Amino acid sequence: MREKIKASLFLAVLMPVFAFCQTELSDVWLSDNGDGTYKNPILFADYSDPDAIRVGDDFYMVSSSFNCVPALPILHSKDLVNWELIGHALKTLTPLDVFNKPQHGNGVWAPCIRYHNVKFYIYYPDPDYGIYLTTATNPRGPWSEPVLVKPGKGLIDPSPIWDDKGNVYLAYAFAGSRAGIKSVIMMDELNSEGTIAKNMDVMLFDGHKNQPTIEGPKFYKRNGYYYLFAPAGGVSTGWQLVMRSKNIYGPYEEKVVMAQGNTKINGPHQGAWVTTAGGEDWFIHFQDKEAYGRIVHLQPMKWINDWPVIGVDKDGDGIGEPVMTWQKPDVGEKNQLRTPSENDEFNGSSLGLQWQWHANPHISWGFPTGNLGFLRLNCIPRPLDTKGLWEVPNLLLQKFPAEEFTATTKITFSARSDNEEAGFLVIGEDYQFISLKKTNGELFLRVVKCEDARTGCEEKELFTQKINSSEIFFRVQVKAGAVCSFSYSMDGRKFYDAGKAFHAKPGRWIGAKFGYFALREGITNDSGSMDIDWLRVHKNE
């Protein structure tokens, strides 16, 4: 740790010199092939329900975040292929008293980002409360406190449109789990500021007959037509539909414009039409990849007879199929390679953008230490009447970044009393972790597994061993099919397997995640802690 502090101070002196000319790239997934082509997915990570816009020469993307905090991630790109995470629109989720506890599958569902009158708008739904709006003049923030534009249980997937007369309309759908109805696309009119719904709702499209589970509408206008891009048929088995009408109120014609066809890209689901400054059309969508979450693809798009064709129409039926590789968008210049952050040396004064908690955080859970060179996580009392980690809020996690990868971390555990525990975990509706726990005054290394955590199943200890050092290296290796294996090391060089390999499972509407926890039994006036020296994600050996 002392050597790392010295290195951190040295880097701090040099930082002004090279801070803006150095970008760390993922070692495990890069979509840009470096030869003018790219491969899908452009993000092999769980950025669910993506929506995107272009403003000048810049592209911005948002996605669902559900119960994870900070919420509503914002990504930036110059070429639609290379993306970096630049912030989150929401520091906490409201109502605070609800989201201070884990609310798996609730929270921020499919958002929509738009740019209008020199301002960024993000409309997002919370399926239990209604449709919210937050705005900013800079996409990196700050973002305004969210306003509840249209209250209502089960209202989801909002998308606004401003017409030539200054009228504002909002398309949306229903979550059957809350509203008791689904498979229809609705529209309401808003006030001129876009902040208050007029409750003049009208149904634009009924998908029950041919387009079941239609949802996720995105509103556009082109060549005198109003368009609604919307997925139908279900997240993992559906297709992409487009509807058009000369009148915003309809009636709307319908056409399937992309389907899985003979590809391996199931879904393909919900996304955004984006046009480059040079006039090229592209479509961003997701694919449900189970434990890896809803990963993001980029498809070429063209217009034929005022209908879009997304992907490649190999059989000439007007329905495209997804591509796996293609020429990059022509944006007029060669852009730098970019990927969302994965590694963390924990040398900064703020938490890396890749990290999210499972509920609204509290300062007592943990904090960066700046030039001290580590992240401190405190052992927080387990919630009462919980059997495992499913209801624990202070889980610090990030997304799986690729199909195969290894994540290695170095920690120091300072336990102050018995039954304090700190660990490294992979969690979805099943989870497994490796940890250090103090029992009867001694430290033990444990590997623990829990299946069907959402139903309250008991944890099972798979491995235990007495450990004499509080400084240790933990590692998880992920192989194809989300097969995960934990190991540990005392010197960072030789690692020993611990416990059995297991298949990661998705969480509630999110992919599996990996990260940390620090817990204790009972309340004290000064808990133990875990200091995380670093985390590094790299290719499997």
Protein backbone atom coordinates (compact mmCIF):
# COMPACT_ATOMS: atom_id res chain seq x y z
CA MET A 1 0.00 0.00 0.00
CA ARG A 2 2.83 2.44 0.83
CA GLU A 3 4.42 1.84 -2.58
CA LYS A 4 1.07 2.54 -4.18
CA ILE A 5 0.69 5.81 -2.25
CA LYS A 6 4.12 6.95 -3.47
CA ALA A 7 3.16 6.05 -7.03
CA SER A 8 -0.13 7.91 -6.62
CA LEU A 9 1.65 11.07 -5.47
CA PHE A 10 4.06 10.82 -8.41
CA LEU A 11 1.16 10.39 -10.83
CA ALA A 12 -0.63 13.34 -9.24
CA VAL A 13 2.32 15.55 -10.20
CA LEU A 14 2.28 14.25 -13.78
CA MET A 15 -1.49 14.21 -14.15
CA PRO A 16 -1.86 17.69 -15.67
CA VAL A 17 0.67 16.71 -18.33
CA PHE A 18 -1.05 13.63 -19.71
CA ALA A 19 -4.57 13.51 -18.25
CA PHE A 20 -6.13 14.43 -21.56
CA CYS A 21 -3.98 12.30 -23.86
CA GLN A 22 -4.37 8.94 -22.16
CA THR A 23 -7.44 6.71 -22.30
CA GLU A 24 -7.61 3.26 -20.75
CA LEU A 25 -9.27 0.75 -23.06
CA SER A 26 -10.96 -2.48 -22.15
CA ASP A 27 -8.71 -5.50 -22.40
CA VAL A 28 -11.70 -7.82 -22.85
CA TRP A 29 -14.04 -6.20 -25.40
CA LEU A 30 -13.41 -3.65 -28.15
CA SER A 31 -16.01 -3.26 -30.89
CA ASP A 32 -13.80 -1.20 -33.19
CA ASN A 33 -11.76 -3.58 -35.37
CA GLY A 34 -9.24 -0.86 -36.21
CA ASP A 35 -9.61 -1.32 -39.98
CA GLY A 36 -12.68 0.83 -40.61
CA THR A 37 -15.10 -1.89 -39.52
CA TYR A 38 -16.75 -2.79 -36.24
CA LYS A 39 -18.23 -5.90 -34.67
CA ASN A 40 -21.40 -6.30 -32.65
CA PRO A 41 -22.19 -5.86 -29.90
CA ILE A 42 -20.80 -2.35 -29.66
CA LEU A 43 -21.21 -2.69 -25.88
CA PHE A 44 -20.98 -6.21 -24.47
CA ALA A 45 -22.56 -4.98 -21.26
CA ASP A 46 -26.00 -4.48 -19.78
CA TYR A 47 -27.07 -1.09 -21.15
CA SER A 48 -30.70 -2.08 -21.43
CA ASP A 49 -33.33 -0.27 -23.54
CA PRO A 50 -30.85 2.12 -25.19
CA ASP A 51 -31.94 5.43 -26.66
CA ALA A 52 -29.60 7.82 -28.47
CA ILE A 53 -29.40 11.19 -30.20
CA ARG A 54 -26.89 13.24 -32.16
CA VAL A 55 -26.12 16.84 -31.22
CA GLY A 56 -23.65 18.38 -33.67
CA ASP A 57 -20.83 15.87 -34.02
CA ASP A 58 -21.56 14.14 -30.71
CA PHE A 59 -23.76 11.16 -29.93
CA TYR A 60 -25.33 10.53 -26.54
CA MET A 61 -26.94 7.36 -25.25
CA VAL A 62 -29.03 6.58 -22.17
CA SER A 63 -30.33 3.28 -20.82
CA SER A 64 -32.40 1.70 -18.09
CA SER A 65 -30.80 1.26 -14.69
CA PHE A 66 -33.70 -0.12 -12.61
CA ASN A 67 -32.81 -0.11 -8.88
CA CYS A 68 -29.08 0.58 -9.34
CA VAL A 69 -27.69 3.91 -8.06
CA PRO A 70 -26.41 6.30 -9.34
CA ALA A 71 -29.09 5.86 -11.95
CA LEU A 72 -29.79 6.62 -15.59
CA PRO A 73 -26.34 6.26 -17.20
CA ILE A 74 -25.24 8.63 -19.98
CA LEU A 75 -22.68 7.58 -22.59
CA HIS A 76 -20.90 9.61 -25.26
CA SER A 77 -19.49 8.71 -28.66
CA LYS A 78 -18.09 10.42 -31.72
CA ASP A 79 -18.77 7.55 -34.15
CA LEU A 80 -21.56 5.33 -32.65
CA VAL A 81 -19.01 2.51 -32.14
CA ASN A 82 -16.65 3.79 -29.45
CA TRP A 83 -18.55 4.73 -26.30
CA GLU A 84 -17.53 5.98 -22.88
CA LEU A 85 -19.62 6.42 -19.76
CA ILE A 86 -19.67 10.12 -18.86
CA GLY A 87 -22.12 10.28 -15.96
CA HIS A 88 -25.55 9.57 -14.54
CA ALA A 89 -28.59 11.82 -14.57
CA LEU A 90 -29.84 10.70 -11.13
CA LYS A 91 -27.74 10.62 -7.97
CA THR A 92 -30.57 8.98 -6.04
CA LEU A 93 -33.97 7.46 -6.74
CA THR A 94 -37.22 8.82 -5.38
CA PRO A 95 -39.19 8.36 -3.20
CA LEU A 96 -36.15 8.16 -0.94
CA ASP A 97 -37.86 6.11 1.75
CA VAL A 98 -38.66 3.46 -0.86
CA PHE A 99 -35.34 3.31 -2.71
CA ASN A 100 -33.17 3.45 0.40
CA LYS A 101 -33.80 -0.30 0.34
CA PRO A 102 -33.20 -2.60 -2.66
CA GLN A 103 -36.12 -2.56 -5.08
CA HIS A 104 -35.07 -5.24 -7.55
CA GLY A 105 -36.55 -4.68 -11.00
CA ASN A 106 -38.13 -1.36 -10.04
CA GLY A 107 -36.84 2.18 -10.52
CA VAL A 108 -35.68 3.57 -13.87
CA TRP A 109 -37.10 1.69 -16.85
CA ALA A 110 -36.58 2.58 -20.53
CA PRO A 111 -35.66 6.30 -20.81
CA CYS A 112 -35.73 8.59 -23.85
CA ILE A 113 -33.21 11.38 -24.49
CA ARG A 114 -33.93 14.37 -26.74
CA TYR A 115 -32.35 17.74 -27.50
CA HIS A 116 -34.71 20.71 -27.94
CA ASN A 117 -34.20 24.47 -27.67
CA VAL A 118 -30.58 24.12 -26.54
CA LYS A 119 -31.53 21.77 -23.72
CA PHE A 120 -31.26 18.03 -23.11
CA TYR A 121 -34.45 16.27 -22.00
CA ILE A 122 -34.64 12.79 -20.52
CA TYR A 123 -38.09 11.34 -19.97
CA TYR A 124 -38.01 8.15 -17.95
CA PRO A 125 -40.64 5.93 -16.36
CA ASP A 126 -40.88 4.42 -12.93
CA PRO A 127 -43.56 1.75 -13.45
CA ASP A 128 -44.90 2.24 -9.93
CA TYR A 129 -45.20 6.04 -10.00
CA GLY A 130 -45.35 7.39 -13.54
CA ILE A 131 -43.29 9.29 -16.10
CA TYR A 132 -40.59 11.73 -14.96
CA LEU A 133 -38.52 14.43 -16.68
CA THR A 134 -35.01 15.66 -15.93
CA THR A 135 -33.17 18.29 -18.00
CA ALA A 136 -29.67 19.73 -18.44
CA THR A 137 -27.79 22.14 -20.66
CA ASN A 138 -24.71 19.89 -20.49
CA PRO A 139 -25.12 16.11 -20.80
CA ARG A 140 -22.39 15.62 -18.20
CA GLY A 141 -24.65 17.45 -15.76
CA PRO A 142 -25.80 18.81 -13.52
CA TRP A 143 -29.27 17.41 -14.23
CA SER A 144 -32.39 18.95 -12.72
CA GLU A 145 -34.38 17.33 -9.97
CA PRO A 146 -36.89 15.01 -11.67
CA VAL A 147 -40.43 16.27 -12.21
CA LEU A 148 -43.35 13.84 -12.27
CA VAL A 149 -44.89 14.77 -15.63
CA LYS A 150 -47.58 12.10 -15.81
CA PRO A 151 -48.44 10.17 -12.66
CA GLY A 152 -49.81 6.68 -13.09
CA LYS A 153 -49.04 3.11 -12.14
CA GLY A 154 -47.90 1.01 -15.09
CA LEU A 155 -46.99 3.88 -17.46
CA ILE A 156 -43.70 3.09 -19.23
CA ASP A 157 -41.47 3.82 -22.23
CA PRO A 158 -42.13 7.54 -22.82
CA SER A 159 -40.99 9.31 -26.01
CA PRO A 160 -41.73 12.99 -26.74
CA ILE A 161 -42.08 14.83 -30.03
CA TRP A 162 -42.35 18.57 -30.72
CA ASP A 163 -44.38 19.44 -33.81
CA ASP A 164 -43.93 22.45 -36.10
CA LYS A 165 -46.56 24.42 -34.19
CA GLY A 166 -44.82 24.04 -30.85
CA ASN A 167 -47.17 21.36 -29.53
CA VAL A 168 -45.60 18.63 -27.40
CA TYR A 169 -46.83 15.03 -27.49
CA LEU A 170 -45.73 12.01 -25.49
CA ALA A 171 -46.02 8.42 -26.68
CA TYR A 172 -45.93 5.70 -24.05
CA ALA A 173 -46.90 2.09 -23.30
CA PHE A 174 -48.22 0.02 -20.41
CA ALA A 175 -46.50 -2.48 -18.11
CA GLY A 176 -48.94 -5.34 -17.80
CA SER A 177 -47.55 -6.25 -14.37
CA ARG A 178 -48.75 -2.91 -12.97
CA ALA A 179 -51.48 -1.64 -15.27
CA GLY A 180 -53.19 -4.95 -15.95
CA ILE A 181 -53.16 -4.14 -19.68
CA LYS A 182 -50.44 -4.07 -22.34
CA SER A 183 -49.76 -4.34 -26.09
CA VAL A 184 -51.07 -0.88 -26.96
CA ILE A 185 -49.28 2.38 -27.77
CA MET A 186 -50.75 5.52 -26.21
CA MET A 187 -50.24 9.27 -26.63
CA ASP A 188 -50.91 12.28 -24.45
CA GLU A 189 -50.34 15.98 -25.05
CA LEU A 190 -48.06 17.99 -22.73
CA ASN A 191 -47.87 21.67 -21.89
CA SER A 192 -45.47 23.79 -23.93
CA GLU A 193 -42.64 23.22 -21.42
CA GLY A 194 -43.12 19.46 -21.59
CA THR A 195 -43.50 19.26 -17.82
CA ILE A 196 -47.22 18.59 -17.30
CA ALA A 197 -49.45 16.04 -19.01
CA LYS A 198 -52.84 17.31 -20.16
CA ASN A 199 -54.42 13.86 -19.69
CA MET A 200 -55.89 13.92 -23.18
CA ASP A 201 -54.85 10.29 -23.75
CA VAL A 202 -55.63 8.46 -26.96
CA MET A 203 -54.67 5.00 -28.21
CA LEU A 204 -52.56 5.16 -31.36
CA PHE A 205 -52.02 1.45 -31.99
CA ASP A 206 -53.38 -1.90 -30.77
CA GLY A 207 -50.93 -4.75 -31.14
CA HIS A 208 -52.98 -7.58 -29.67
CA LYS A 209 -53.79 -9.20 -33.01
CA ASN A 210 -50.46 -9.17 -34.87
CA GLN A 211 -47.93 -7.39 -32.63
CA PRO A 212 -48.27 -8.82 -29.10
CA THR A 213 -46.40 -7.16 -26.26
CA ILE A 214 -45.70 -4.06 -28.33
CA GLU A 215 -43.90 -1.49 -26.16
CA GLY A 216 -40.93 0.89 -26.13
CA PRO A 217 -42.21 3.42 -28.73
CA LYS A 218 -39.84 6.05 -30.11
CA PHE A 219 -41.47 9.05 -31.81
CA TYR A 220 -39.94 10.63 -34.97
CA LYS A 221 -41.00 12.69 -37.99
CA ARG A 222 -39.64 12.44 -41.54
CA ASN A 223 -40.91 13.46 -44.98
CA GLY A 224 -44.32 14.41 -43.63
CA TYR A 225 -44.80 11.10 -41.77
CA TYR A 226 -44.97 10.58 -38.04
CA TYR A 227 -43.14 7.37 -37.15
CA LEU A 228 -43.33 5.13 -34.12
CA PHE A 229 -40.46 2.66 -33.85
CA ALA A 230 -41.47 -0.05 -31.38
CA PRO A 231 -40.44 -3.63 -30.56
CA ALA A 232 -43.05 -6.39 -30.37
CA GLY A 233 -43.15 -10.09 -29.64
CA GLY A 234 -41.24 -10.09 -26.37
CA VAL A 235 -37.74 -9.20 -25.21
CA SER A 236 -35.96 -12.42 -26.16
CA THR A 237 -38.15 -13.58 -29.05
CA GLY A 238 -39.48 -10.45 -30.74
CA TRP A 239 -38.89 -8.18 -33.72
CA GLN A 240 -38.71 -4.49 -34.55
CA LEU A 241 -41.88 -2.83 -35.83
CA VAL A 242 -42.33 0.61 -37.39
CA MET A 243 -45.66 2.44 -37.73
CA ARG A 244 -46.29 5.57 -39.80
CA SER A 245 -49.04 8.10 -40.38
CA LYS A 246 -49.43 11.55 -41.95
CA ASN A 247 -51.54 12.49 -38.92
CA ILE A 248 -50.06 12.25 -35.45
CA TYR A 249 -53.32 10.74 -34.19
CA GLY A 250 -53.29 8.06 -36.90
CA PRO A 251 -54.40 5.71 -38.19
CA TYR A 252 -50.96 4.14 -38.40
CA GLU A 253 -49.75 1.67 -40.99
CA GLU A 254 -47.42 -1.03 -39.69
CA LYS A 255 -44.39 -2.90 -41.03
CA VAL A 256 -41.85 -5.29 -39.50
CA VAL A 257 -38.45 -3.81 -40.39
CA MET A 258 -36.01 -6.13 -38.56
CA ALA A 259 -36.18 -9.65 -37.17
CA GLN A 260 -33.71 -12.31 -36.05
CA GLY A 261 -33.95 -14.24 -39.31
CA ASN A 262 -31.08 -16.72 -39.65
CA THR A 263 -28.82 -14.85 -37.22
CA LYS A 264 -27.93 -15.59 -33.61
CA ILE A 265 -29.21 -12.17 -32.50
CA ASN A 266 -32.40 -13.01 -30.65
CA GLY A 267 -34.85 -10.20 -30.04
CA PRO A 268 -33.64 -7.80 -31.67
CA HIS A 269 -35.26 -5.26 -29.42
CA GLN A 270 -36.00 -1.64 -28.59
CA GLY A 271 -33.65 1.12 -29.57
CA ALA A 272 -33.01 4.36 -31.42
CA TRP A 273 -32.76 5.71 -34.96
CA VAL A 274 -29.79 8.07 -35.33
CA THR A 275 -28.62 10.01 -38.39
CA THR A 276 -25.00 11.14 -38.76
CA ALA A 277 -24.11 14.68 -39.82
CA GLY A 278 -23.35 13.25 -43.27
CA GLY A 279 -26.82 11.76 -43.61
CA GLU A 280 -26.18 8.07 -42.83
CA ASP A 281 -28.94 6.28 -40.92
CA TRP A 282 -28.21 3.84 -38.10
CA PHE A 283 -30.20 1.94 -35.49
CA ILE A 284 -29.08 1.05 -31.97
CA HIS A 285 -30.88 -1.81 -30.19
CA PHE A 286 -30.32 -4.44 -27.53
CA GLN A 287 -30.14 -8.22 -27.42
CA ASP A 288 -31.11 -10.18 -24.30
CA LYS A 289 -28.02 -12.24 -23.39
CA GLU A 290 -29.32 -13.67 -20.09
CA ALA A 291 -26.59 -13.39 -17.40
CA TYR A 292 -24.73 -10.79 -19.48
CA GLY A 293 -27.81 -8.58 -19.55
CA ARG A 294 -29.15 -6.65 -22.52
CA ILE A 295 -26.12 -5.94 -24.68
CA VAL A 296 -26.07 -3.19 -27.32
CA HIS A 297 -25.86 -3.59 -31.12
CA LEU A 298 -25.51 -1.11 -33.98
CA GLN A 299 -27.24 -1.76 -37.33
CA PRO A 300 -27.00 0.00 -40.70
CA MET A 301 -30.35 1.40 -41.82
CA LYS A 302 -31.77 2.72 -45.09
CA TRP A 303 -35.09 4.09 -46.30
CA ILE A 304 -37.11 2.49 -49.10
CA ASN A 305 -40.47 4.04 -50.03
CA ASP A 306 -40.48 5.93 -46.74
CA TRP A 307 -40.07 2.72 -44.75
CA PRO A 308 -36.86 1.92 -42.90
CA VAL A 309 -35.01 -1.36 -43.41
CA ILE A 310 -32.73 -2.13 -40.47
CA GLY A 311 -29.77 -4.47 -40.85
CA VAL A 312 -29.41 -6.37 -44.15
CA ASP A 313 -32.37 -7.59 -46.19
CA LYS A 314 -30.88 -10.76 -47.66
CA ASP A 315 -34.06 -12.21 -49.15
CA GLY A 316 -35.58 -8.94 -50.40
CA ASP A 317 -38.74 -9.13 -48.30
CA GLY A 318 -38.20 -5.67 -46.78
CA ILE A 319 -37.31 -7.11 -43.36
CA GLY A 320 -33.70 -6.71 -42.32
CA GLU A 321 -31.55 -9.08 -40.28
CA PRO A 322 -28.89 -7.94 -37.79
CA VAL A 323 -25.26 -7.80 -38.89
CA MET A 324 -22.31 -9.00 -36.85
CA THR A 325 -19.66 -6.90 -38.62
CA TRP A 326 -20.00 -3.82 -40.84
CA GLN A 327 -18.30 -0.68 -42.02
CA LYS A 328 -18.15 1.97 -39.32
CA PRO A 329 -20.29 5.08 -39.69
CA ASP A 330 -18.66 7.70 -41.87
CA VAL A 331 -18.26 10.66 -39.53
CA GLY A 332 -15.56 12.36 -41.55
CA GLU A 333 -12.58 11.71 -39.34
CA LYS A 334 -10.80 8.97 -37.46
CA ASN A 335 -11.91 8.95 -33.85
CA GLN A 336 -10.08 7.68 -30.79
CA LEU A 337 -10.91 4.27 -29.39
CA ARG A 338 -13.14 4.42 -26.32
CA THR A 339 -14.70 1.92 -23.91
CA PRO A 340 -16.53 2.32 -20.58
CA SER A 341 -14.21 2.04 -17.59
CA GLU A 342 -13.77 -1.32 -15.87
CA ASN A 343 -10.47 -1.16 -13.93
CA ASP A 344 -10.10 0.99 -10.86
CA GLU A 345 -6.96 1.85 -8.90
CA PHE A 346 -9.11 3.79 -6.39
CA ASN A 347 -6.66 6.69 -6.35
CA GLY A 348 -9.21 9.42 -7.00
CA SER A 349 -11.44 11.58 -4.86
CA SER A 350 -14.66 10.12 -6.27
CA LEU A 351 -16.05 6.70 -7.07
CA GLY A 352 -15.54 5.48 -10.64
CA LEU A 353 -18.55 5.87 -12.91
CA GLN A 354 -18.77 2.12 -13.51
CA TRP A 355 -19.79 1.48 -9.90
CA GLN A 356 -23.39 1.39 -8.69
CA TRP A 357 -25.01 0.53 -5.38
CA HIS A 358 -28.11 -1.65 -5.08
CA ALA A 359 -30.02 1.17 -3.34
CA ASN A 360 -29.63 4.85 -2.49
CA PRO A 361 -26.24 5.05 -0.77
CA HIS A 362 -25.37 6.41 2.65
CA ILE A 363 -22.04 8.06 3.42
CA SER A 364 -21.37 5.48 6.14
CA TRP A 365 -21.22 2.66 3.60
CA GLY A 366 -17.85 3.73 2.26
CA PHE A 367 -15.78 6.45 0.65
CA PRO A 368 -12.75 7.11 -1.55
CA THR A 369 -9.54 8.20 0.15
CA GLY A 370 -7.92 10.20 -2.65
CA ASN A 371 -4.13 10.02 -2.57
CA LEU A 372 -4.20 7.42 0.21
CA GLY A 373 -4.87 5.07 -2.68
CA PHE A 374 -7.78 2.85 -1.67
CA LEU A 375 -11.55 2.68 -1.34
CA ARG A 376 -12.83 2.16 2.20
CA LEU A 377 -15.97 0.04 2.65
CA ASN A 378 -17.31 -0.21 6.18
CA CYS A 379 -18.96 -3.27 7.66
CA ILE A 380 -22.60 -2.19 7.79
CA PRO A 381 -25.13 -4.14 9.90
CA ARG A 382 -27.11 -6.67 7.92
CA PRO A 383 -30.77 -5.70 7.54
CA LEU A 384 -32.95 -7.44 10.08
CA ASP A 385 -34.68 -10.67 9.08
CA THR A 386 -32.57 -11.21 5.95
CA LYS A 387 -31.09 -14.59 5.09
CA GLY A 388 -28.59 -13.46 2.48
CA LEU A 389 -27.48 -10.65 0.22
CA TRP A 390 -30.65 -10.15 -1.84
CA GLU A 391 -32.02 -7.50 0.53
CA VAL A 392 -28.64 -5.96 1.36
CA PRO A 393 -28.39 -2.38 0.00
CA ASN A 394 -24.64 -1.72 0.33
CA LEU A 395 -23.49 -3.92 -2.54
CA LEU A 396 -21.00 -2.04 -4.74
CA LEU A 397 -21.17 -3.56 -8.21
CA GLN A 398 -20.40 -3.14 -11.89
CA LYS A 399 -21.63 -4.83 -15.07
CA PHE A 400 -20.10 -7.84 -16.80
CA PRO A 401 -17.99 -6.21 -19.60
CA ALA A 402 -17.55 -9.17 -21.96
CA GLU A 403 -18.42 -12.80 -22.53
CA GLU A 404 -15.10 -13.91 -21.02
CA PHE A 405 -12.90 -12.04 -18.57
CA THR A 406 -10.98 -12.24 -15.30
CA ALA A 407 -11.38 -9.70 -12.50
CA THR A 408 -8.68 -9.56 -9.83
CA THR A 409 -8.68 -7.37 -6.73
CA LYS A 410 -6.45 -6.70 -3.74
CA ILE A 411 -8.05 -5.97 -0.38
CA THR A 412 -7.11 -5.47 3.26
CA PHE A 413 -9.71 -6.49 5.84
CA SER A 414 -9.62 -4.80 9.25
CA ALA A 415 -12.16 -6.62 11.38
CA ARG A 416 -12.88 -5.08 14.78
CA SER A 417 -15.15 -7.80 16.15
CA ASP A 418 -16.53 -11.24 15.43
CA ASN A 419 -19.03 -11.80 12.60
CA GLU A 420 -17.70 -8.99 10.44
CA GLU A 421 -17.23 -10.07 6.84
CA ALA A 422 -15.95 -8.55 3.58
CA GLY A 423 -16.13 -10.18 0.20
CA PHE A 424 -15.96 -10.24 -3.59
CA LEU A 425 -19.09 -11.52 -5.31
CA VAL A 426 -21.03 -12.28 -8.47
CA ILE A 427 -24.73 -11.69 -7.99
CA GLY A 428 -27.99 -12.17 -9.88
CA GLU A 429 -30.95 -14.23 -8.74
CA ASP A 430 -28.26 -16.74 -7.79
CA TYR A 431 -25.03 -15.51 -6.23
CA GLN A 432 -21.67 -16.74 -5.00
CA PHE A 433 -18.90 -14.94 -3.14
CA ILE A 434 -15.45 -15.33 -1.67
CA SER A 435 -14.80 -13.51 1.59
CA LEU A 436 -12.87 -13.04 4.80
CA LYS A 437 -14.88 -13.40 8.01
CA LYS A 438 -13.82 -13.01 11.63
CA THR A 439 -15.06 -15.84 13.84
CA ASN A 440 -13.97 -16.49 17.43
CA GLY A 441 -11.18 -13.97 17.05
CA GLU A 442 -9.71 -15.59 13.92
CA LEU A 443 -9.98 -14.91 10.19
CA PHE A 444 -11.48 -17.47 7.84
CA LEU A 445 -11.66 -17.47 4.07
CA ARG A 446 -15.08 -18.60 2.85
CA VAL A 447 -16.86 -19.35 -0.42
CA VAL A 448 -20.64 -19.17 -0.13
CA LYS A 449 -23.40 -19.87 -2.65
CA CYS A 450 -27.09 -19.01 -2.73
CA GLU A 451 -29.57 -20.21 -5.36
CA ASP A 452 -32.93 -18.53 -6.03
CA ALA A 453 -32.01 -15.66 -3.74
CA ARG A 454 -35.21 -13.79 -4.66
CA THR A 455 -37.26 -16.50 -2.95
CA GLY A 456 -35.22 -16.28 0.24
CA CYS A 457 -33.22 -19.51 -0.07
CA GLU A 458 -30.48 -20.21 2.47
CA GLU A 459 -26.78 -19.61 1.84
CA LYS A 460 -24.53 -22.68 1.62
CA GLU A 461 -20.88 -22.61 2.61
CA LEU A 462 -18.82 -24.40 -0.07
CA PHE A 463 -15.32 -23.76 1.24
CA THR A 464 -13.66 -22.53 4.40
CA GLN A 465 -10.05 -22.17 5.48
CA LYS A 466 -8.26 -20.35 8.26
CA ILE A 467 -6.22 -17.39 7.02
CA ASN A 468 -3.37 -15.68 8.88
CA SER A 469 -3.18 -12.49 6.82
CA SER A 470 -5.75 -9.73 6.48
CA GLU A 471 -4.26 -8.70 3.11
CA ILE A 472 -5.40 -10.94 0.27
CA PHE A 473 -6.07 -11.11 -3.48
CA PHE A 474 -9.43 -12.33 -4.76
CA ARG A 475 -10.16 -13.32 -8.34
CA VAL A 476 -13.16 -14.37 -10.38
CA GLN A 477 -12.78 -15.86 -13.85
CA VAL A 478 -15.77 -15.80 -16.19
CA LYS A 479 -15.90 -18.14 -19.18
CA ALA A 480 -18.38 -18.46 -22.05
CA GLY A 481 -21.86 -19.21 -20.79
CA ALA A 482 -21.22 -17.05 -17.72
CA VAL A 483 -19.39 -19.90 -15.93
CA CYS A 484 -17.64 -18.30 -12.95
CA SER A 485 -14.80 -19.56 -10.75
CA PHE A 486 -13.32 -17.94 -7.64
CA SER A 487 -9.72 -18.15 -6.48
CA TYR A 488 -7.44 -16.42 -3.99
CA SER A 489 -3.78 -15.60 -3.50
CA MET A 490 -1.58 -14.39 -0.68
CA ASP A 491 1.11 -12.88 -2.93
CA GLY A 492 -0.78 -11.90 -6.12
CA ARG A 493 1.09 -14.46 -8.19
CA LYS A 494 -0.01 -17.97 -7.28
CA PHE A 495 -3.80 -18.38 -7.08
CA TYR A 496 -5.70 -21.25 -5.50
CA ASP A 497 -9.15 -22.36 -6.58
CA ALA A 498 -11.86 -22.03 -3.95
CA GLY A 499 -15.31 -23.57 -4.19
CA LYS A 500 -16.91 -24.93 -7.34
CA ALA A 501 -17.55 -23.21 -10.67
CA PHE A 502 -21.09 -21.91 -11.07
CA HIS A 503 -23.30 -20.38 -13.75
CA ALA A 504 -24.10 -16.72 -13.13
CA LYS A 505 -27.77 -15.82 -13.42
CA PRO A 506 -29.37 -12.49 -14.36
CA GLY A 507 -30.91 -10.35 -11.66
CA ARG A 508 -34.38 -8.83 -11.85
CA TRP A 509 -34.37 -7.28 -15.37
CA ILE A 510 -30.61 -6.76 -15.15
CA GLY A 511 -27.57 -8.85 -15.98
CA ALA A 512 -25.34 -10.43 -13.38
CA LYS A 513 -22.90 -8.03 -11.73
CA PHE A 514 -19.68 -8.37 -9.76
CA GLY A 515 -18.21 -6.35 -6.93
CA TYR A 516 -17.99 -6.02 -3.18
CA PHE A 517 -19.78 -6.15 0.14
CA ALA A 518 -18.81 -5.44 3.76
CA LEU A 519 -21.20 -6.51 6.54
CA ARG A 520 -21.48 -7.26 10.22
CA GLU A 521 -23.96 -8.69 12.69
CA GLY A 522 -25.34 -6.14 15.12
CA ILE A 523 -24.73 -2.45 15.65
CA THR A 524 -21.54 -0.87 16.99
CA ASN A 525 -20.11 2.62 17.31
CA ASP A 526 -17.07 1.75 15.18
CA SER A 527 -17.26 -1.08 12.65
CA GLY A 528 -14.49 -2.90 10.87
CA SER A 529 -13.73 -2.17 7.25
CA MET A 530 -12.34 -3.39 3.94
CA ASP A 531 -9.81 -1.28 2.05
CA ILE A 532 -9.87 -2.06 -1.68
CA ASP A 533 -6.45 -1.34 -3.15
CA TRP A 534 -7.37 -1.97 -6.80
CA LEU A 535 -9.49 -3.92 -9.26
CA ARG A 536 -8.19 -5.02 -12.69
CA VAL A 537 -10.17 -6.67 -15.46
CA HIS A 538 -8.18 -8.59 -18.04
CA LYS A 539 -8.34 -11.43 -20.53
CA ASN A 540 -8.52 -15.01 -19.31
CA GLU A 541 -5.17 -16.72 -19.16
